[in-house]
Amino acid sequence: MYPTDIGGCSVYRDLLANLGRFFEMLEAIRSPCKSDWLTVEDIAQELKISKSIVYRLIRNGDLEAIDLVVGDDGRVPQKGHFRIRREALNQYLDGKKVKAPPCEPTRLSARRFPKVKNHLGL
C-alpha cells in the first residue's frame, strides 16, 4: 500500500516544504517585532517587574532613558513618556550579572563539645 521510497514522492516533498513555511509563519507571529526603542511597560513585562521599579531605575540614573516631548506646545507631560534603547537595557542587565564565588575547599573544624557530667553512670 505505502510506497517504499517516500522521499521520491512529490506530494511528500510538497507537504514538508509547506509545513516548514507554516512553522516559520507561526514563529514570526509568536515573537513580536523587536524594536530598538522600548517603553517602560515593555521593560516591566520583559523583566517581570513593576513599572514603578523601572521608573525608579530611570530616576536613579541606573537605566538610561529619553523623555519624549509630546504635543506642539513643547510641554513635557507630567508623567514621563520614556523610551529606552534595547542596548541600554542590555548594558544595565550585563552590569547586574551575578558571578558565583570561586569554590574554595572549606575546612571542617573539629568541634569540641564541653564535657557533660553523665548522671546515669554510662
PDB file of N, CA and C in Angstrom:
ATOM      1  N   MET A   1       0.798  -1.197   0.000  1.00  0.00           N
ATOM      2  CA  MET A   1       0.000   0.000   0.000  1.00  0.00           C
ATOM      3  C   MET A   1       0.851   1.278   0.000  1.00  0.00           C
ATOM      4  N   TYR A   2       1.828   1.338   0.900  1.00  0.00           N
ATOM      5  CA  TYR A   2       2.640   2.530   1.031  1.00  0.00           C
ATOM      6  C   TYR A   2       3.869   2.406   0.148  1.00  0.00           C
ATOM      7  N   PRO A   3       4.256   3.511  -0.503  1.00  0.00           N
ATOM      8  CA  PRO A   3       5.459   3.435  -1.331  1.00  0.00           C
ATOM      9  C   PRO A   3       6.675   3.255  -0.450  1.00  0.00           C
ATOM     10  N   THR A   4       7.597   2.453  -0.910  1.00  0.00           N
ATOM     11  CA  THR A   4       8.802   2.193  -0.123  1.00  0.00           C
ATOM     12  C   THR A   4       9.755   3.374  -0.184  1.00  0.00           C
ATOM     13  N   ASP A   5       9.736   4.134  -1.270  1.00  0.00           N
ATOM     14  CA  ASP A   5      10.605   5.294  -1.408  1.00  0.00           C
ATOM     15  C   ASP A   5       9.775   6.558  -1.228  1.00  0.00           C
ATOM     16  N   ILE A   6       9.509   6.919   0.025  1.00  0.00           N
ATOM     17  CA  ILE A   6       8.664   8.084   0.306  1.00  0.00           C
ATOM     18  C   ILE A   6       9.382   9.364  -0.084  1.00  0.00           C
ATOM     19  N   GLY A   7      10.715   9.382   0.021  1.00  0.00           N
ATOM     20  CA  GLY A   7      11.470  10.582  -0.326  1.00  0.00           C
ATOM     21  C   GLY A   7      11.298  10.976  -1.772  1.00  0.00           C
ATOM     22  N   GLY A   8      10.966  10.052  -2.638  1.00  0.00           N
ATOM     23  CA  GLY A   8      10.797  10.350  -4.048  1.00  0.00           C
ATOM     24  C   GLY A   8       9.406  10.849  -4.377  1.00  0.00           C
ATOM     25  N   CYS A   9       8.505  10.801  -3.465  1.00  0.00           N
ATOM     26  CA  CYS A   9       7.122  11.198  -3.704  1.00  0.00           C
ATOM     27  C   CYS A   9       7.021  12.721  -3.692  1.00  0.00           C
ATOM     28  N   SER A  10       6.485  13.307  -4.755  1.00  0.00           N
ATOM     29  CA  SER A  10       6.401  14.765  -4.838  1.00  0.00           C
ATOM     30  C   SER A  10       5.394  15.333  -3.846  1.00  0.00           C
ATOM     31  N   VAL A  11       4.353  14.575  -3.547  1.00  0.00           N
ATOM     32  CA  VAL A  11       3.364  15.031  -2.571  1.00  0.00           C
ATOM     33  C   VAL A  11       4.016  15.170  -1.196  1.00  0.00           C
ATOM     34  N   TYR A  12       4.849  14.213  -0.865  1.00  0.00           N
ATOM     35  CA  TYR A  12       5.546  14.218   0.421  1.00  0.00           C
ATOM     36  C   TYR A  12       6.491  15.417   0.505  1.00  0.00           C
ATOM     37  N   ARG A  13       7.238  15.687  -0.577  1.00  0.00           N
ATOM     38  CA  ARG A  13       8.173  16.830  -0.594  1.00  0.00           C
ATOM     39  C   ARG A  13       7.414  18.144  -0.461  1.00  0.00           C
ATOM     40  N   ASP A  14       6.291  18.259  -1.166  1.00  0.00           N
ATOM     41  CA  ASP A  14       5.489  19.483  -1.079  1.00  0.00           C
ATOM     42  C   ASP A  14       4.929  19.676   0.334  1.00  0.00           C
ATOM     43  N   LEU A  15       4.492  18.594   0.924  1.00  0.00           N
ATOM     44  CA  LEU A  15       3.961  18.658   2.278  1.00  0.00           C
ATOM     45  C   LEU A  15       5.028  19.135   3.257  1.00  0.00           C
ATOM     46  N   LEU A  16       6.228  18.598   3.145  1.00  0.00           N
ATOM     47  CA  LEU A  16       7.313  19.023   4.036  1.00  0.00           C
ATOM     48  C   LEU A  16       7.673  20.488   3.831  1.00  0.00           C
ATOM     49  N   ALA A  17       7.711  20.929   2.567  1.00  0.00           N
ATOM     50  CA  ALA A  17       8.033  22.329   2.285  1.00  0.00           C
ATOM     51  C   ALA A  17       6.969  23.249   2.869  1.00  0.00           C
ATOM     52  N   ASN A  18       5.702  22.881   2.704  1.00  0.00           N
ATOM     53  CA  ASN A  18       4.619  23.708   3.241  1.00  0.00           C
ATOM     54  C   ASN A  18       4.595  23.699   4.762  1.00  0.00           C
ATOM     55  N   LEU A  19       4.907  22.566   5.358  1.00  0.00           N
ATOM     56  CA  LEU A  19       4.987  22.511   6.821  1.00  0.00           C
ATOM     57  C   LEU A  19       6.103  23.411   7.329  1.00  0.00           C
ATOM     58  N   GLY A  20       7.221  23.410   6.632  1.00  0.00           N
ATOM     59  CA  GLY A  20       8.330  24.287   7.014  1.00  0.00           C
ATOM     60  C   GLY A  20       7.923  25.745   6.973  1.00  0.00           C
ATOM     61  N   ARG A  21       7.245  26.149   5.906  1.00  0.00           N
ATOM     62  CA  ARG A  21       6.772  27.531   5.793  1.00  0.00           C
ATOM     63  C   ARG A  21       5.742  27.844   6.871  1.00  0.00           C
ATOM     64  N   PHE A  22       4.884  26.880   7.174  1.00  0.00           N
ATOM     65  CA  PHE A  22       3.873  27.062   8.214  1.00  0.00           C
ATOM     66  C   PHE A  22       4.520  27.335   9.571  1.00  0.00           C
ATOM     67  N   PHE A  23       5.549  26.560   9.918  1.00  0.00           N
ATOM     68  CA  PHE A  23       6.208  26.751  11.207  1.00  0.00           C
ATOM     69  C   PHE A  23       6.982  28.066  11.247  1.00  0.00           C
ATOM     70  N   GLU A  24       7.522  28.500  10.120  1.00  0.00           N
ATOM     71  CA  GLU A  24       8.180  29.807  10.069  1.00  0.00           C
ATOM     72  C   GLU A  24       7.172  30.927  10.318  1.00  0.00           C
ATOM     73  N   MET A  25       5.978  30.782   9.729  1.00  0.00           N
ATOM     74  CA  MET A  25       4.936  31.787   9.947  1.00  0.00           C
ATOM     75  C   MET A  25       4.500  31.804  11.403  1.00  0.00           C
ATOM     76  N   LEU A  26       4.364  30.641  12.025  1.00  0.00           N
ATOM     77  CA  LEU A  26       3.990  30.585  13.442  1.00  0.00           C
ATOM     78  C   LEU A  26       5.036  31.265  14.310  1.00  0.00           C
ATOM     79  N   GLU A  27       6.296  31.035  14.020  1.00  0.00           N
ATOM     80  CA  GLU A  27       7.375  31.647  14.794  1.00  0.00           C
ATOM     81  C   GLU A  27       7.362  33.159  14.632  1.00  0.00           C
ATOM     82  N   ALA A  28       7.101  33.640  13.418  1.00  0.00           N
ATOM     83  CA  ALA A  28       7.052  35.080  13.174  1.00  0.00           C
ATOM     84  C   ALA A  28       5.903  35.720  13.943  1.00  0.00           C
ATOM     85  N   ILE A  29       4.784  35.039  14.047  1.00  0.00           N
ATOM     86  CA  ILE A  29       3.639  35.568  14.780  1.00  0.00           C
ATOM     87  C   ILE A  29       3.901  35.532  16.279  1.00  0.00           C
ATOM     88  N   ARG A  30       4.543  34.456  16.742  1.00  0.00           N
ATOM     89  CA  ARG A  30       4.770  34.272  18.172  1.00  0.00           C
ATOM     90  C   ARG A  30       5.743  35.303  18.723  1.00  0.00           C
ATOM     91  N   SER A  31       6.813  35.606  17.999  1.00  0.00           N
ATOM     92  CA  SER A  31       7.787  36.566  18.506  1.00  0.00           C
ATOM     93  C   SER A  31       7.420  37.952  17.996  1.00  0.00           C
ATOM     94  N   PRO A  32       7.104  38.882  18.911  1.00  0.00           N
ATOM     95  CA  PRO A  32       6.731  40.219  18.482  1.00  0.00           C
ATOM     96  C   PRO A  32       7.921  40.931  17.857  1.00  0.00           C
ATOM     97  N   CYS A  33       7.624  41.917  17.084  1.00  0.00           N
ATOM     98  CA  CYS A  33       8.660  42.677  16.393  1.00  0.00           C
ATOM     99  C   CYS A  33       9.536  43.377  17.435  1.00  0.00           C
ATOM    100  N   LYS A  34      10.808  43.076  17.430  1.00  0.00           N
ATOM    101  CA  LYS A  34      11.725  43.661  18.399  1.00  0.00           C
ATOM    102  C   LYS A  34      12.176  45.023  17.889  1.00  0.00           C
ATOM    103  N   SER A  35      11.859  46.045  18.633  1.00  0.00           N
ATOM    104  CA  SER A  35      12.235  47.403  18.274  1.00  0.00           C
ATOM    105  C   SER A  35      13.467  47.800  19.076  1.00  0.00           C
ATOM    106  N   ASP A  36      14.178  48.777  18.560  1.00  0.00           N
ATOM    107  CA  ASP A  36      15.320  49.300  19.310  1.00  0.00           C
ATOM    108  C   ASP A  36      14.861  50.135  20.502  1.00  0.00           C
ATOM    109  N   TRP A  37      13.645  50.689  20.428  1.00  0.00           N
ATOM    110  CA  TRP A  37      13.136  51.541  21.486  1.00  0.00           C
ATOM    111  C   TRP A  37      12.066  50.806  22.273  1.00  0.00           C
ATOM    112  N   LEU A  38      12.194  50.821  23.590  1.00  0.00           N
ATOM    113  CA  LEU A  38      11.256  50.143  24.472  1.00  0.00           C
ATOM    114  C   LEU A  38      10.569  51.156  25.370  1.00  0.00           C
ATOM    115  N   THR A  39       9.359  50.862  25.767  1.00  0.00           N
ATOM    116  CA  THR A  39       8.644  51.693  26.730  1.00  0.00           C
ATOM    117  C   THR A  39       8.875  51.120  28.129  1.00  0.00           C
ATOM    118  N   VAL A  40       8.462  51.881  29.119  1.00  0.00           N
ATOM    119  CA  VAL A  40       8.569  51.409  30.500  1.00  0.00           C
ATOM    120  C   VAL A  40       7.758  50.128  30.667  1.00  0.00           C
ATOM    121  N   GLU A  41       6.593  50.096  30.052  1.00  0.00           N
ATOM    122  CA  GLU A  41       5.742  48.910  30.152  1.00  0.00           C
ATOM    123  C   GLU A  41       6.392  47.697  29.485  1.00  0.00           C
ATOM    124  N   ASP A  42       7.065  47.908  28.333  1.00  0.00           N
ATOM    125  CA  ASP A  42       7.762  46.807  27.657  1.00  0.00           C
ATOM    126  C   ASP A  42       8.821  46.196  28.569  1.00  0.00           C
ATOM    127  N   ILE A  43       9.588  47.060  29.218  1.00  0.00           N
ATOM    128  CA  ILE A  43      10.668  46.573  30.092  1.00  0.00           C
ATOM    129  C   ILE A  43      10.085  45.876  31.311  1.00  0.00           C
ATOM    130  N   ALA A  44       9.027  46.438  31.876  1.00  0.00           N
ATOM    131  CA  ALA A  44       8.402  45.818  33.045  1.00  0.00           C
ATOM    132  C   ALA A  44       7.888  44.425  32.694  1.00  0.00           C
ATOM    133  N   GLN A  45       7.276  44.275  31.523  1.00  0.00           N
ATOM    134  CA  GLN A  45       6.774  42.965  31.115  1.00  0.00           C
ATOM    135  C   GLN A  45       7.918  42.002  30.826  1.00  0.00           C
ATOM    136  N   GLU A  46       8.954  42.496  30.168  1.00  0.00           N
ATOM    137  CA  GLU A  46      10.072  41.619  29.796  1.00  0.00           C
ATOM    138  C   GLU A  46      10.826  41.111  31.022  1.00  0.00           C
ATOM    139  N   LEU A  47      11.022  41.995  32.006  1.00  0.00           N
ATOM    140  CA  LEU A  47      11.773  41.609  33.208  1.00  0.00           C
ATOM    141  C   LEU A  47      10.865  41.080  34.313  1.00  0.00           C
ATOM    142  N   LYS A  48       9.556  41.161  34.098  1.00  0.00           N
ATOM    143  CA  LYS A  48       8.561  40.709  35.087  1.00  0.00           C
ATOM    144  C   LYS A  48       8.725  41.451  36.418  1.00  0.00           C
ATOM    145  N   ILE A  49       8.802  42.781  36.284  1.00  0.00           N
ATOM    146  CA  ILE A  49       8.856  43.662  37.450  1.00  0.00           C
ATOM    147  C   ILE A  49       7.784  44.730  37.256  1.00  0.00           C
ATOM    148  N   SER A  50       7.540  45.520  38.282  1.00  0.00           N
ATOM    149  CA  SER A  50       6.510  46.556  38.167  1.00  0.00           C
ATOM    150  C   SER A  50       7.069  47.768  37.420  1.00  0.00           C
ATOM    151  N   LYS A  51       6.149  48.560  36.878  1.00  0.00           N
ATOM    152  CA  LYS A  51       6.554  49.775  36.172  1.00  0.00           C
ATOM    153  C   LYS A  51       7.197  50.769  37.132  1.00  0.00           C
ATOM    154  N   SER A  52       6.749  50.781  38.379  1.00  0.00           N
ATOM    155  CA  SER A  52       7.325  51.726  39.341  1.00  0.00           C
ATOM    156  C   SER A  52       8.811  51.437  39.583  1.00  0.00           C
ATOM    157  N   ILE A  53       9.191  50.179  39.525  1.00  0.00           N
ATOM    158  CA  ILE A  53      10.614  49.842  39.680  1.00  0.00           C
ATOM    159  C   ILE A  53      11.402  50.334  38.477  1.00  0.00           C
ATOM    160  N   VAL A  54      10.831  50.218  37.281  1.00  0.00           N
ATOM    161  CA  VAL A  54      11.507  50.721  36.084  1.00  0.00           C
ATOM    162  C   VAL A  54      11.658  52.237  36.172  1.00  0.00           C
ATOM    163  N   TYR A  55      10.594  52.935  36.613  1.00  0.00           N
ATOM    164  CA  TYR A  55      10.688  54.386  36.782  1.00  0.00           C
ATOM    165  C   TYR A  55      11.772  54.741  37.805  1.00  0.00           C
ATOM    166  N   ARG A  56      11.881  53.967  38.873  1.00  0.00           N
ATOM    167  CA  ARG A  56      12.904  54.227  39.891  1.00  0.00           C
ATOM    168  C   ARG A  56      14.307  54.043  39.304  1.00  0.00           C
ATOM    169  N   LEU A  57      14.487  53.009  38.481  1.00  0.00           N
ATOM    170  CA  LEU A  57      15.789  52.790  37.839  1.00  0.00           C
ATOM    171  C   LEU A  57      16.160  53.968  36.945  1.00  0.00           C
ATOM    172  N   ILE A  58      15.171  54.516  36.251  1.00  0.00           N
ATOM    173  CA  ILE A  58      15.419  55.664  35.381  1.00  0.00           C
ATOM    174  C   ILE A  58      15.744  56.893  36.217  1.00  0.00           C
ATOM    175  N   ARG A  59      14.942  57.132  37.278  1.00  0.00           N
ATOM    176  CA  ARG A  59      15.155  58.294  38.149  1.00  0.00           C
ATOM    177  C   ARG A  59      16.520  58.266  38.812  1.00  0.00           C
ATOM    178  N   ASN A  60      16.971  57.069  39.215  1.00  0.00           N
ATOM    179  CA  ASN A  60      18.264  56.946  39.898  1.00  0.00           C
ATOM    180  C   ASN A  60      19.440  56.972  38.933  1.00  0.00           C
ATOM    181  N   GLY A  61      19.156  56.967  37.641  1.00  0.00           N
ATOM    182  CA  GLY A  61      20.239  57.000  36.656  1.00  0.00           C
ATOM    183  C   GLY A  61      20.830  55.636  36.359  1.00  0.00           C
ATOM    184  N   ASP A  62      20.225  54.577  36.866  1.00  0.00           N
ATOM    185  CA  ASP A  62      20.728  53.236  36.608  1.00  0.00           C
ATOM    186  C   ASP A  62      20.415  52.777  35.187  1.00  0.00           C
ATOM    187  N   LEU A  63      19.302  53.247  34.655  1.00  0.00           N
ATOM    188  CA  LEU A  63      18.846  52.869  33.327  1.00  0.00           C
ATOM    189  C   LEU A  63      18.691  54.137  32.497  1.00  0.00           C
ATOM    190  N   GLU A  64      19.437  54.197  31.409  1.00  0.00           N
ATOM    191  CA  GLU A  64      19.418  55.384  30.558  1.00  0.00           C
ATOM    192  C   GLU A  64      18.118  55.429  29.749  1.00  0.00           C
ATOM    193  N   ALA A  65      17.438  56.591  29.784  1.00  0.00           N
ATOM    194  CA  ALA A  65      16.168  56.740  29.081  1.00  0.00           C
ATOM    195  C   ALA A  65      16.074  58.130  28.482  1.00  0.00           C
ATOM    196  N   ILE A  66      15.165  58.254  27.535  1.00  0.00           N
ATOM    197  CA  ILE A  66      14.889  59.541  26.903  1.00  0.00           C
ATOM    198  C   ILE A  66      13.444  59.901  27.226  1.00  0.00           C
ATOM    199  N   ASP A  67      13.244  61.143  27.682  1.00  0.00           N
ATOM    200  CA  ASP A  67      11.900  61.625  27.993  1.00  0.00           C
ATOM    201  C   ASP A  67      11.385  62.355  26.764  1.00  0.00           C
ATOM    202  N   LEU A  68      10.317  61.857  26.163  1.00  0.00           N
ATOM    203  CA  LEU A  68       9.784  62.442  24.946  1.00  0.00           C
ATOM    204  C   LEU A  68       8.915  63.641  25.254  1.00  0.00           C
ATOM    205  N   VAL A  69       9.006  64.639  24.399  1.00  0.00           N
ATOM    206  CA  VAL A  69       8.139  65.799  24.482  1.00  0.00           C
ATOM    207  C   VAL A  69       6.959  65.518  23.572  1.00  0.00           C
ATOM    208  N   VAL A  70       5.745  65.642  24.119  1.00  0.00           N
ATOM    209  CA  VAL A  70       4.542  65.343  23.359  1.00  0.00           C
ATOM    210  C   VAL A  70       3.779  66.631  23.115  1.00  0.00           C
ATOM    211  N   GLY A  71       3.315  66.813  21.899  1.00  0.00           N
ATOM    212  CA  GLY A  71       2.479  67.972  21.581  1.00  0.00           C
ATOM    213  C   GLY A  71       3.255  69.077  20.898  1.00  0.00           C
ATOM    214  N   ASP A  72       2.513  69.998  20.274  1.00  0.00           N
ATOM    215  CA  ASP A  72       3.126  71.116  19.549  1.00  0.00           C
ATOM    216  C   ASP A  72       3.550  72.241  20.473  1.00  0.00           C
ATOM    217  N   ASP A  73       2.948  72.297  21.666  1.00  0.00           N
ATOM    218  CA  ASP A  73       3.261  73.395  22.579  1.00  0.00           C
ATOM    219  C   ASP A  73       4.594  73.185  23.295  1.00  0.00           C
ATOM    220  N   GLY A  74       5.236  72.025  23.111  1.00  0.00           N
ATOM    221  CA  GLY A  74       6.545  71.771  23.700  1.00  0.00           C
ATOM    222  C   GLY A  74       6.510  71.401  25.161  1.00  0.00           C
ATOM    223  N   ARG A  75       5.300  71.192  25.703  1.00  0.00           N
ATOM    224  CA  ARG A  75       5.207  70.837  27.112  1.00  0.00           C
ATOM    225  C   ARG A  75       5.582  69.383  27.308  1.00  0.00           C
ATOM    226  N   VAL A  76       6.259  69.139  28.402  1.00  0.00           N
ATOM    227  CA  VAL A  76       6.585  67.767  28.780  1.00  0.00           C
ATOM    228  C   VAL A  76       5.460  67.262  29.656  1.00  0.00           C
ATOM    229  N   PRO A  77       4.904  66.107  29.359  1.00  0.00           N
ATOM    230  CA  PRO A  77       3.816  65.592  30.192  1.00  0.00           C
ATOM    231  C   PRO A  77       4.294  65.355  31.618  1.00  0.00           C
ATOM    232  N   GLN A  78       3.360  65.453  32.565  1.00  0.00           N
ATOM    233  CA  GLN A  78       3.739  65.274  33.964  1.00  0.00           C
ATOM    234  C   GLN A  78       4.285  63.882  34.207  1.00  0.00           C
ATOM    235  N   LYS A  79       3.624  62.890  33.693  1.00  0.00           N
ATOM    236  CA  LYS A  79       4.146  61.539  33.820  1.00  0.00           C
ATOM    237  C   LYS A  79       4.981  61.281  32.581  1.00  0.00           C
ATOM    238  N   GLY A  80       6.269  60.973  32.766  1.00  0.00           N
ATOM    239  CA  GLY A  80       7.195  60.867  31.647  1.00  0.00           C
ATOM    240  C   GLY A  80       6.812  59.796  30.644  1.00  0.00           C
ATOM    241  N   HIS A  81       7.037  60.106  29.413  1.00  0.00           N
ATOM    242  CA  HIS A  81       6.863  59.142  28.339  1.00  0.00           C
ATOM    243  C   HIS A  81       8.269  58.717  27.930  1.00  0.00           C
ATOM    244  N   PHE A  82       8.829  57.839  28.698  1.00  0.00           N
ATOM    245  CA  PHE A  82      10.214  57.446  28.496  1.00  0.00           C
ATOM    246  C   PHE A  82      10.342  56.404  27.399  1.00  0.00           C
ATOM    247  N   ARG A  83      11.465  56.473  26.704  1.00  0.00           N
ATOM    248  CA  ARG A  83      11.847  55.438  25.752  1.00  0.00           C
ATOM    249  C   ARG A  83      13.268  55.031  26.100  1.00  0.00           C
ATOM    250  N   ILE A  84      13.488  53.729  26.086  1.00  0.00           N
ATOM    251  CA  ILE A  84      14.778  53.173  26.472  1.00  0.00           C
ATOM    252  C   ILE A  84      15.283  52.336  25.311  1.00  0.00           C
ATOM    253  N   ARG A  85      16.520  52.546  24.933  1.00  0.00           N
ATOM    254  CA  ARG A  85      17.116  51.731  23.878  1.00  0.00           C
ATOM    255  C   ARG A  85      17.355  50.322  24.412  1.00  0.00           C
ATOM    256  N   ARG A  86      17.152  49.348  23.551  1.00  0.00           N
ATOM    257  CA  ARG A  86      17.378  47.959  23.944  1.00  0.00           C
ATOM    258  C   ARG A  86      18.828  47.749  24.383  1.00  0.00           C
ATOM    259  N   GLU A  87      19.762  48.428  23.728  1.00  0.00           N
ATOM    260  CA  GLU A  87      21.171  48.263  24.106  1.00  0.00           C
ATOM    261  C   GLU A  87      21.449  48.841  25.489  1.00  0.00           C
ATOM    262  N   ALA A  88      20.722  49.907  25.892  1.00  0.00           N
ATOM    263  CA  ALA A  88      20.872  50.452  27.245  1.00  0.00           C
ATOM    264  C   ALA A  88      20.343  49.456  28.272  1.00  0.00           C
ATOM    265  N   LEU A  89      19.241  48.787  27.944  1.00  0.00           N
ATOM    266  CA  LEU A  89      18.713  47.755  28.838  1.00  0.00           C
ATOM    267  C   LEU A  89      19.700  46.596  28.953  1.00  0.00           C
ATOM    268  N   ASN A  90      20.271  46.183  27.828  1.00  0.00           N
ATOM    269  CA  ASN A  90      21.243  45.086  27.859  1.00  0.00           C
ATOM    270  C   ASN A  90      22.478  45.452  28.666  1.00  0.00           C
ATOM    271  N   GLN A  91      22.938  46.714  28.563  1.00  0.00           N
ATOM    272  CA  GLN A  91      24.088  47.159  29.363  1.00  0.00           C
ATOM    273  C   GLN A  91      23.755  47.128  30.846  1.00  0.00           C
ATOM    274  N   TYR A  92      22.564  47.583  31.196  1.00  0.00           N
ATOM    275  CA  TYR A  92      22.147  47.558  32.596  1.00  0.00           C
ATOM    276  C   TYR A  92      22.119  46.121  33.118  1.00  0.00           C
ATOM    277  N   LEU A  93      21.549  45.215  32.322  1.00  0.00           N
ATOM    278  CA  LEU A  93      21.456  43.815  32.745  1.00  0.00           C
ATOM    279  C   LEU A  93      22.832  43.164  32.830  1.00  0.00           C
ATOM    280  N   ASP A  94      23.739  43.520  31.921  1.00  0.00           N
ATOM    281  CA  ASP A  94      25.096  42.968  31.983  1.00  0.00           C
ATOM    282  C   ASP A  94      25.800  43.391  33.266  1.00  0.00           C
ATOM    283  N   GLY A  95      25.527  44.621  33.712  1.00  0.00           N
ATOM    284  CA  GLY A  95      26.133  45.105  34.954  1.00  0.00           C
ATOM    285  C   GLY A  95      25.557  44.439  36.194  1.00  0.00           C
ATOM    286  N   LYS A  96      24.411  43.805  36.060  1.00  0.00           N
ATOM    287  CA  LYS A  96      23.756  43.169  37.201  1.00  0.00           C
ATOM    288  C   LYS A  96      23.985  41.666  37.258  1.00  0.00           C
ATOM    289  N   LYS A  97      24.815  41.139  36.368  1.00  0.00           N
ATOM    290  CA  LYS A  97      25.054  39.696  36.383  1.00  0.00           C
ATOM    291  C   LYS A  97      25.760  39.304  37.673  1.00  0.00           C
ATOM    292  N   VAL A  98      25.347  38.201  38.205  1.00  0.00           N
ATOM    293  CA  VAL A  98      25.916  37.696  39.450  1.00  0.00           C
ATOM    294  C   VAL A  98      26.891  36.587  39.100  1.00  0.00           C
ATOM    295  N   LYS A  99      28.093  36.734  39.614  1.00  0.00           N
ATOM    296  CA  LYS A  99      29.099  35.703  39.385  1.00  0.00           C
ATOM    297  C   LYS A  99      29.238  34.868  40.645  1.00  0.00           C
ATOM    298  N   ALA A 100      29.311  33.583  40.444  1.00  0.00           N
ATOM    299  CA  ALA A 100      29.459  32.681  41.585  1.00  0.00           C
ATOM    300  C   ALA A 100      30.854  32.849  42.177  1.00  0.00           C
ATOM    301  N   PRO A 101      30.946  32.865  43.487  1.00  0.00           N
ATOM    302  CA  PRO A 101      32.277  32.983  44.103  1.00  0.00           C
ATOM    303  C   PRO A 101      33.092  31.739  43.795  1.00  0.00           C
ATOM    304  N   PRO A 102      34.412  31.910  43.719  1.00  0.00           N
ATOM    305  CA  PRO A 102      35.234  30.732  43.435  1.00  0.00           C
ATOM    306  C   PRO A 102      35.109  29.720  44.564  1.00  0.00           C
ATOM    307  N   CYS A 103      35.053  28.481  44.187  1.00  0.00           N
ATOM    308  CA  CYS A 103      34.894  27.424  45.187  1.00  0.00           C
ATOM    309  C   CYS A 103      36.224  27.174  45.879  1.00  0.00           C
ATOM    310  N   GLU A 104      36.246  27.374  47.149  1.00  0.00           N
ATOM    311  CA  GLU A 104      37.423  27.081  47.948  1.00  0.00           C
ATOM    312  C   GLU A 104      37.048  25.966  48.904  1.00  0.00           C
ATOM    313  N   PRO A 105      37.930  25.019  49.045  1.00  0.00           N
ATOM    314  CA  PRO A 105      37.609  23.944  49.990  1.00  0.00           C
ATOM    315  C   PRO A 105      37.522  24.509  51.405  1.00  0.00           C
ATOM    316  N   THR A 106      36.479  24.163  52.064  1.00  0.00           N
ATOM    317  CA  THR A 106      36.302  24.649  53.434  1.00  0.00           C
ATOM    318  C   THR A 106      36.793  23.588  54.396  1.00  0.00           C
ATOM    319  N   ARG A 107      37.426  24.064  55.419  1.00  0.00           N
ATOM    320  CA  ARG A 107      37.937  23.155  56.439  1.00  0.00           C
ATOM    321  C   ARG A 107      36.853  22.934  57.473  1.00  0.00           C
ATOM    322  N   LEU A 108      36.622  21.712  57.736  1.00  0.00           N
ATOM    323  CA  LEU A 108      35.682  21.386  58.790  1.00  0.00           C
ATOM    324  C   LEU A 108      36.467  21.282  60.083  1.00  0.00           C
ATOM    325  N   SER A 109      36.203  22.200  60.956  1.00  0.00           N
ATOM    326  CA  SER A 109      36.933  22.173  62.218  1.00  0.00           C
ATOM    327  C   SER A 109      36.248  21.191  63.161  1.00  0.00           C
ATOM    328  N   ALA A 110      37.088  20.467  63.858  1.00  0.00           N
ATOM    329  CA  ALA A 110      36.547  19.516  64.823  1.00  0.00           C
ATOM    330  C   ALA A 110      36.047  20.320  66.016  1.00  0.00           C
ATOM    331  N   ARG A 111      34.781  20.233  66.266  1.00  0.00           N
ATOM    332  CA  ARG A 111      34.201  20.970  67.384  1.00  0.00           C
ATOM    333  C   ARG A 111      34.408  20.176  68.657  1.00  0.00           C
ATOM    334  N   ARG A 112      34.796  20.872  69.646  1.00  0.00           N
ATOM    335  CA  ARG A 112      34.943  20.265  70.969  1.00  0.00           C
ATOM    336  C   ARG A 112      33.727  20.645  71.791  1.00  0.00           C
ATOM    337  N   PHE A 113      33.000  19.659  72.148  1.00  0.00           N
ATOM    338  CA  PHE A 113      31.841  19.904  72.980  1.00  0.00           C
ATOM    339  C   PHE A 113      32.270  19.857  74.439  1.00  0.00           C
ATOM    340  N   PRO A 114      31.638  20.676  75.255  1.00  0.00           N
ATOM    341  CA  PRO A 114      32.008  20.644  76.670  1.00  0.00           C
ATOM    342  C   PRO A 114      31.639  19.290  77.276  1.00  0.00           C
ATOM    343  N   LYS A 115      32.474  18.869  78.202  1.00  0.00           N
ATOM    344  CA  LYS A 115      32.210  17.589  78.850  1.00  0.00           C
ATOM    345  C   LYS A 115      30.978  17.735  79.724  1.00  0.00           C
ATOM    346  N   VAL A 116      30.084  16.784  79.568  1.00  0.00           N
ATOM    347  CA  VAL A 116      28.845  16.792  80.330  1.00  0.00           C
ATOM    348  C   VAL A 116      28.923  15.675  81.357  1.00  0.00           C
ATOM    349  N   LYS A 117      28.515  16.009  82.530  1.00  0.00           N
ATOM    350  CA  LYS A 117      28.537  15.010  83.584  1.00  0.00           C
ATOM    351  C   LYS A 117      27.414  14.020  83.305  1.00  0.00           C
ATOM    352  N   ASN A 118      27.790  12.777  83.295  1.00  0.00           N
ATOM    353  CA  ASN A 118      26.846  11.723  82.986  1.00  0.00           C
ATOM    354  C   ASN A 118      26.212  11.252  84.303  1.00  0.00           C
ATOM    355  N   HIS A 119      24.950  11.532  84.460  1.00  0.00           N
ATOM    356  CA  HIS A 119      24.263  11.169  85.696  1.00  0.00           C
ATOM    357  C   HIS A 119      23.819   9.731  85.714  1.00  0.00           C
ATOM    358  N   LEU A 120      23.819   9.076  84.569  1.00  0.00           N
ATOM    359  CA  LEU A 120      23.396   7.691  84.521  1.00  0.00           C
ATOM    360  C   LEU A 120      24.544   6.731  84.772  1.00  0.00           C
ATOM    361  N   GLY A 121      25.720   7.261  84.778  1.00  0.00           N
ATOM    362  CA  GLY A 121      26.868   6.404  85.010  1.00  0.00           C
ATOM    363  C   GLY A 121      27.294   5.637  83.783  1.00  0.00           C
ATOM    364  N   LEU A 122      26.894   6.090  82.643  1.00  0.00           N
ATOM    365  CA  LEU A 122      27.298   5.399  81.411  1.00  0.00           C
ATOM    366  C   LEU A 122      28.544   5.966  80.833  1.00  0.00           C
TER     367      LEU A 122
END
